[in-house]
Protein backbone atom coordinates (compact mmCIF):
# COMPACT_ATOMS: atom_id res chain seq x y z
CA UNK A 1 -22.23 -2.61 10.19
CA UNK A 2 -22.64 -0.55 7.04
CA UNK A 3 -19.66 1.06 5.64
CA UNK A 4 -19.82 4.61 4.06
CA UNK A 5 -18.18 7.42 3.41
CA UNK A 6 -20.52 10.27 3.50
CA UNK A 7 -19.07 13.74 3.93
CA UNK A 8 -15.72 12.12 3.68
CA UNK A 9 -12.60 13.17 1.10
CA UNK A 10 -10.66 11.00 -0.52
CA UNK A 11 -7.43 11.12 -2.62
CA UNK A 12 -7.18 7.71 -4.78
CA UNK A 13 -3.65 8.20 -6.69
CA UNK A 14 -3.17 6.29 -9.87
CA UNK A 15 -7.00 5.95 -10.60
CA UNK A 16 -7.40 6.86 -14.21
CA UNK A 17 -7.55 2.62 -14.44
CA UNK A 18 -8.10 -0.43 -12.59
CA UNK A 19 -7.22 -0.57 -9.14
CA UNK A 20 -7.19 2.65 -8.52
CA UNK A 21 -10.40 4.02 -11.10
CA UNK A 22 -12.47 0.89 -8.83
CA UNK A 23 -11.71 1.96 -5.68
CA UNK A 24 -12.60 5.81 -6.94
CA UNK A 25 -15.88 5.01 -8.67
CA UNK A 26 -17.17 2.95 -5.13
CA UNK A 27 -15.94 5.24 -2.83
CA UNK A 28 -17.86 8.01 -4.86
CA UNK A 29 -20.63 4.96 -4.66
CA UNK A 30 -20.87 5.53 -0.90
CA UNK A 31 -20.56 8.79 -0.49
CA UNK A 32 -16.96 10.14 -0.42
CA UNK A 33 -16.05 12.88 -2.49
CA UNK A 34 -12.82 11.90 -4.68
CA UNK A 35 -9.82 13.13 -5.58
CA UNK A 36 -8.99 11.10 -8.90
CA UNK A 37 -5.06 11.60 -9.24
CA UNK A 38 -3.28 9.97 -12.42
CA UNK A 39 -0.63 10.90 -14.24
CA UNK A 40 -1.01 8.92 -17.33
CA UNK A 41 1.34 6.71 -19.20
CA UNK A 42 2.34 3.18 -19.79
CA UNK A 43 2.83 0.49 -17.53
CA UNK A 44 6.42 1.13 -17.24
CA UNK A 45 5.94 5.00 -16.92
CA UNK A 46 6.68 6.30 -20.15
CA UNK A 47 4.10 9.13 -21.55
CA UNK A 48 0.73 8.78 -22.48
CA UNK A 49 -2.74 10.45 -21.68
CA UNK A 50 -4.22 9.99 -18.29
CA UNK A 51 -7.68 9.33 -17.73
CA UNK A 52 -7.89 11.19 -14.48
CA UNK A 53 -10.30 13.99 -16.07
CA UNK A 54 -12.54 11.19 -17.56
CA UNK A 55 -13.26 9.15 -14.25
CA UNK A 56 -13.66 12.31 -12.46
CA UNK A 57 -16.42 12.92 -15.36
CA UNK A 58 -17.81 9.35 -14.52
CA UNK A 59 -18.38 10.00 -10.93
CA UNK A 60 -19.95 13.30 -11.50
CA UNK A 61 -22.22 12.28 -14.17
CA UNK A 62 -23.46 9.22 -11.31
CA UNK A 63 -24.37 12.33 -9.13
CA UNK A 64 -20.84 11.92 -7.22
CA UNK A 65 -18.61 15.24 -6.30
CA UNK A 66 -14.92 14.30 -7.89
CA UNK A 67 -11.76 16.56 -8.99
CA UNK A 68 -8.89 15.16 -10.83
CA UNK A 69 -5.14 15.49 -10.46
CA UNK A 70 -2.73 14.51 -13.13
CA UNK A 71 0.39 15.25 -11.03
CA UNK A 72 3.25 12.80 -10.71
CA UNK A 73 3.28 11.38 -7.25
CA UNK A 74 7.11 11.85 -7.17
CA UNK A 75 6.11 15.72 -7.58
CA UNK A 76 6.13 17.07 -4.29
CA UNK A 77 4.67 20.44 -5.19
CA UNK A 78 2.35 18.99 -7.32
CA UNK A 79 1.09 16.24 -4.30
CA UNK A 80 0.76 19.74 -2.19
CA UNK A 81 -1.12 21.42 -4.90
CA UNK A 82 -3.68 18.52 -5.28
CA UNK A 83 -3.81 18.83 -1.09
CA UNK A 84 -4.25 22.14 -1.25
CA UNK A 85 -7.29 21.99 -4.00
CA UNK A 86 -9.11 19.42 -2.20
CA UNK A 87 -9.11 21.57 1.20
CA UNK A 88 -10.17 24.34 -0.81
CA UNK A 89 -12.91 23.05 -2.53
CA UNK A 90 -13.82 20.50 0.57
CA UNK A 91 -12.24 21.83 3.62
CA UNK A 92 -10.30 18.61 4.55
CA UNK A 93 -8.73 15.06 3.27
CA UNK A 94 -9.82 11.97 5.03
CA UNK A 95 -8.51 9.09 3.34
CA UNK A 96 -5.27 8.87 0.80
CA UNK A 97 -5.31 5.70 -0.98
CA UNK A 98 -1.76 5.17 -2.31
CA UNK A 99 -2.22 3.00 -5.74
CA UNK A 100 -0.07 4.64 -8.43
CA UNK A 101 2.58 2.27 -9.87
CA UNK A 102 4.38 0.77 -12.85
CA UNK A 103 6.63 -1.90 -13.71
CA UNK A 104 10.49 -2.07 -15.15
CA UNK A 105 10.93 -6.31 -15.05
CA UNK A 106 14.11 -7.44 -15.68
CA UNK A 107 16.62 -10.05 -14.09
CA UNK A 108 18.79 -8.31 -11.60
CA UNK A 109 21.01 -9.22 -13.75
CA UNK A 110 19.86 -7.31 -17.21
CA UNK A 111 18.55 -4.36 -14.56
CA UNK A 112 20.43 -0.99 -14.59
CA UNK A 113 20.19 1.24 -11.66
CA UNK A 114 18.01 3.47 -13.04
CA UNK A 115 15.71 0.98 -13.71
CA UNK A 116 15.75 -0.06 -9.84
CA UNK A 117 16.23 3.60 -8.62
CA UNK A 118 12.67 4.64 -10.71
CA UNK A 119 10.57 1.56 -9.32
CA UNK A 120 11.56 2.50 -6.19
CA UNK A 121 10.61 6.50 -6.62
CA UNK A 122 7.46 5.92 -7.40
CA UNK A 123 5.98 3.18 -5.45
CA UNK A 124 8.12 3.75 -2.41
CA UNK A 125 9.07 7.36 -2.45
CA UNK A 126 5.63 8.52 -4.21
CA UNK A 127 3.54 6.94 -1.77
CA UNK A 128 5.84 9.00 1.44
CA UNK A 129 5.46 12.27 -1.04
CA UNK A 130 1.69 11.78 -1.26
CA UNK A 131 1.92 10.88 2.89
CA UNK A 132 3.89 13.68 3.79
CA UNK A 133 1.27 15.69 1.65
CA UNK A 134 -1.66 15.09 3.87
CA UNK A 135 -0.33 14.12 6.96
CA UNK A 136 -0.43 17.87 8.88
CA UNK A 137 -3.73 18.05 7.78
CA UNK A 138 -4.83 14.68 9.02
CA UNK A 139 -2.93 15.60 12.30
CA UNK A 140 -5.24 19.12 12.44
CA UNK A 141 -7.97 17.19 11.72
CA UNK A 142 -7.66 14.19 14.27
CA UNK A 143 -8.44 11.90 11.91
CA UNK A 144 -6.88 10.06 8.69
CA UNK A 145 -6.55 6.86 6.91
CA UNK A 146 -3.99 5.95 5.02
CA UNK A 147 -3.64 3.03 2.52
CA UNK A 148 -0.47 1.71 1.09
CA UNK A 149 -0.25 -1.01 -1.93
CA UNK A 150 2.09 -3.85 -1.18
CA UNK A 151 2.60 -7.37 -3.19
CA UNK A 152 2.88 -10.59 -2.57
CA UNK A 153 6.22 -9.81 -4.76
CA UNK A 154 7.47 -7.79 -1.86
CA UNK A 155 6.38 -10.42 0.63
CA UNK A 156 7.49 -12.93 -0.86
CA UNK A 157 9.62 -12.74 -3.73
CA UNK A 158 9.64 -13.32 -7.73
CA UNK A 159 12.21 -13.66 -10.29
CA UNK A 160 12.63 -10.34 -12.39
CA UNK A 161 11.50 -7.54 -9.95
CA UNK A 162 13.77 -7.37 -7.28
CA UNK A 163 12.88 -3.28 -7.60
CA UNK A 164 9.33 -3.92 -7.62
CA UNK A 165 9.55 -6.33 -4.03
CA UNK A 166 12.20 -3.85 -2.62
CA UNK A 167 9.85 -0.99 -2.89
CA UNK A 168 6.76 -3.22 -2.06
CA UNK A 169 8.08 -4.61 1.12
CA UNK A 170 9.81 -0.99 2.20
CA UNK A 171 6.06 0.30 2.03
CA UNK A 172 5.06 -2.46 4.77
CA UNK A 173 7.72 -1.11 6.57
CA UNK A 174 6.74 2.38 6.28
CA UNK A 175 3.37 1.25 7.20
CA UNK A 176 4.43 -0.09 10.38
CA UNK A 177 6.14 2.72 11.82
CA UNK A 178 3.75 5.59 10.30
CA UNK A 179 0.58 4.02 12.37
CA UNK A 180 2.39 3.89 15.44
CA UNK A 181 3.23 7.47 14.76
CA UNK A 182 -0.45 8.25 13.72
CA UNK A 183 -2.36 6.64 16.53
CA UNK A 184 -2.34 9.70 18.67
CA UNK A 185 -4.28 11.63 16.29
CA UNK A 186 -6.48 8.80 15.16
CA UNK A 187 -4.63 8.08 11.97
CA UNK A 188 -5.08 4.92 11.17
CA UNK A 189 -2.32 2.98 8.47
CA UNK A 190 -2.79 -0.19 5.97
CA UNK A 191 -1.80 -1.83 3.71
CA UNK A 192 -3.40 -4.13 0.48
CA UNK A 193 -1.82 -6.85 -1.43
CA UNK A 194 -3.81 -6.83 -4.09
CA UNK A 195 -3.99 -9.64 -6.99
CA UNK A 196 -6.09 -8.26 -9.53
CA UNK A 197 -6.67 -8.32 -13.23
CA UNK A 198 -5.29 -5.48 -14.59
CA UNK A 199 -2.74 -3.83 -16.91
CA UNK A 200 -0.03 -4.53 -14.69
CA UNK A 201 -0.86 -8.12 -14.20
CA UNK A 202 -1.98 -8.37 -17.94
CA UNK A 203 0.97 -11.07 -19.13
CA UNK A 204 1.68 -12.51 -15.57
CA UNK A 205 -0.79 -14.55 -15.06
CA UNK A 206 -3.30 -16.78 -17.66
CA UNK A 207 -6.18 -15.81 -19.01
CA UNK A 208 -8.65 -18.09 -17.12
CA UNK A 209 -7.06 -17.06 -13.80
CA UNK A 210 -7.40 -13.30 -14.75
CA UNK A 211 -10.84 -14.05 -15.54
CA UNK A 212 -11.68 -14.47 -11.83
CA UNK A 213 -9.29 -11.61 -10.92
CA UNK A 214 -11.19 -8.52 -11.75
CA UNK A 215 -10.62 -5.13 -9.43
CA UNK A 216 -13.30 -5.60 -7.81
CA UNK A 217 -12.40 -8.28 -5.70
CA UNK A 218 -10.16 -6.57 -3.98
CA UNK A 219 -12.22 -3.42 -3.71
CA UNK A 220 -13.50 -4.40 -0.42
CA UNK A 221 -10.69 -5.16 1.60
CA UNK A 222 -9.24 -2.09 0.30
CA UNK A 223 -12.22 0.12 1.35
CA UNK A 224 -12.55 -1.39 4.94
CA UNK A 225 -9.08 -0.74 5.20
CA UNK A 226 -9.84 2.76 5.35
CA UNK A 227 -12.86 3.07 6.91
CA UNK A 228 -13.84 4.76 10.13
CA UNK A 229 -13.52 1.26 11.93
CA UNK A 230 -10.34 0.09 10.11
CA UNK A 231 -7.78 -1.92 12.20
CA UNK A 232 -4.46 -0.37 12.03
CA UNK A 233 -0.90 -2.00 10.39
CA UNK A 234 -2.91 -4.71 9.05
CA UNK A 235 -1.50 -6.26 5.65
CA UNK A 236 -4.39 -7.97 3.62
CA UNK A 237 -4.08 -9.88 0.65
CA UNK A 238 -7.04 -9.66 -1.30
CA UNK A 239 -8.18 -11.32 -4.66
CA UNK A 240 -10.46 -13.22 -6.73
CA UNK A 241 -12.90 -13.76 -3.47
CA UNK A 242 -9.98 -14.34 -1.19
CA UNK A 243 -9.32 -12.08 1.80
CA UNK A 244 -6.24 -13.25 3.90
CA UNK A 245 -3.97 -11.68 5.98
CA UNK A 246 0.07 -11.46 5.79
CA UNK A 247 2.37 -11.04 8.89
CA UNK A 248 5.73 -10.68 9.52
CA UNK A 249 6.43 -13.56 11.94
CA UNK A 250 9.38 -13.86 14.66
CA UNK A 251 10.41 -17.66 15.86
CA UNK A 252 11.05 -18.16 19.56
CA UNK A 253 14.22 -19.05 18.26
CA UNK A 254 17.24 -20.25 20.68
CA UNK A 255 19.17 -18.35 23.97
CA UNK A 256 22.48 -19.68 24.09
CA UNK A 257 25.77 -18.73 26.33
CA UNK A 258 28.28 -16.57 25.56
CA UNK A 259 31.30 -19.20 25.05
CA UNK A 260 28.56 -20.71 22.36
CA UNK A 261 27.92 -17.60 20.25
CA UNK A 262 29.45 -19.01 17.52
CA UNK A 263 28.75 -19.08 13.94
CA UNK A 264 29.11 -23.20 14.05
CA UNK A 265 26.15 -22.88 16.97
CA UNK A 266 23.85 -20.77 14.34
CA UNK A 267 24.64 -23.37 11.75
CA UNK A 268 23.69 -26.73 14.42
CA UNK A 269 20.83 -24.93 15.43
CA UNK A 270 19.27 -23.23 12.08
CA UNK A 271 16.62 -25.60 12.20
CA UNK A 272 15.37 -24.97 15.80
CA UNK A 273 16.20 -21.35 14.89
CA UNK A 274 13.76 -21.80 12.13
CA UNK A 275 11.02 -23.36 14.35
CA UNK A 276 7.62 -21.66 13.70
CA UNK A 277 5.88 -23.18 16.59
CA UNK A 278 4.84 -20.96 18.95
CA UNK A 279 5.74 -17.78 16.70
CA UNK A 280 4.82 -14.65 17.55
CA UNK A 281 3.52 -10.99 15.44
CA UNK A 282 5.80 -8.61 17.16
CA UNK A 283 3.81 -5.08 17.82
CA UNK A 284 7.10 -3.52 17.71
CA UNK A 285 11.18 -3.46 17.85
CA UNK A 286 11.22 -4.50 21.93
CA UNK A 287 9.97 -7.96 20.76
CA UNK A 288 12.80 -8.94 19.31
CA UNK A 289 15.20 -7.38 21.97
CA UNK A 290 12.71 -9.57 24.06
CA UNK A 291 13.13 -12.70 22.49
CA UNK A 292 17.11 -12.04 22.69
CA UNK A 293 16.87 -11.54 26.34
CA UNK A 294 14.26 -14.93 26.59
CA UNK A 295 12.04 -12.17 28.07
CA UNK A 296 9.47 -13.00 25.55
CA UNK A 297 5.76 -14.46 26.44
């Protein structure tokens, strides 16, 4: 199977540098028309020059088609205008890659609520705003591929990143419900958990590790997740040549009689509740109720 994106229109946010730039360039190489979105700014979101125009020009110089947007993903009007520009030029939007992000790392004790809110606004709300901007168009087309960006911090935790972790796991929840809503209109929603050497990670990992983790090592998984034959509601971790799938699972747990429904029972049976043998990956909310009632498969 050869994956190409001929006649597809893709929006990539945060595409002025790093992963987003790598996504945009490869999409264009494989035939897509690309909207390169990048507000610019430093890693913490402070002001700076956008590279969106330069990336769009690089795509055009290589024979592709691209336009650029310097709007913030937190600005509803700007994102609606970006989508309108893409539709006016090319008639549709097939792919949205929600990649834009910033970091404001501090321990929770030292973190202001403003720092917490800003990270959630950019990563979680920004992805929701961009997705809302393309949603009706994708429904009308009966085609859409949307990618969220999570993180090992969101999935598993990391010191000093409570704000980032909350936003990143929120995106997995967003994907899970949005994917269900999009199925009838052939809109598939997936999530990438990248481990890559970018300005977001330049002081987080040792140089010798970063050398093996260029953005190009994440691109194959990300592009598969927005391809025509993409899965739905999948989270793929990617980086340094490794590709894994992350799941939120449910153990078989225990069922107890009404008389035993006490905190002491939960404490005494915590190891049994935690036993991962035979755990499942639920398809939806009904799975938890079924497990509680002892009705699971």
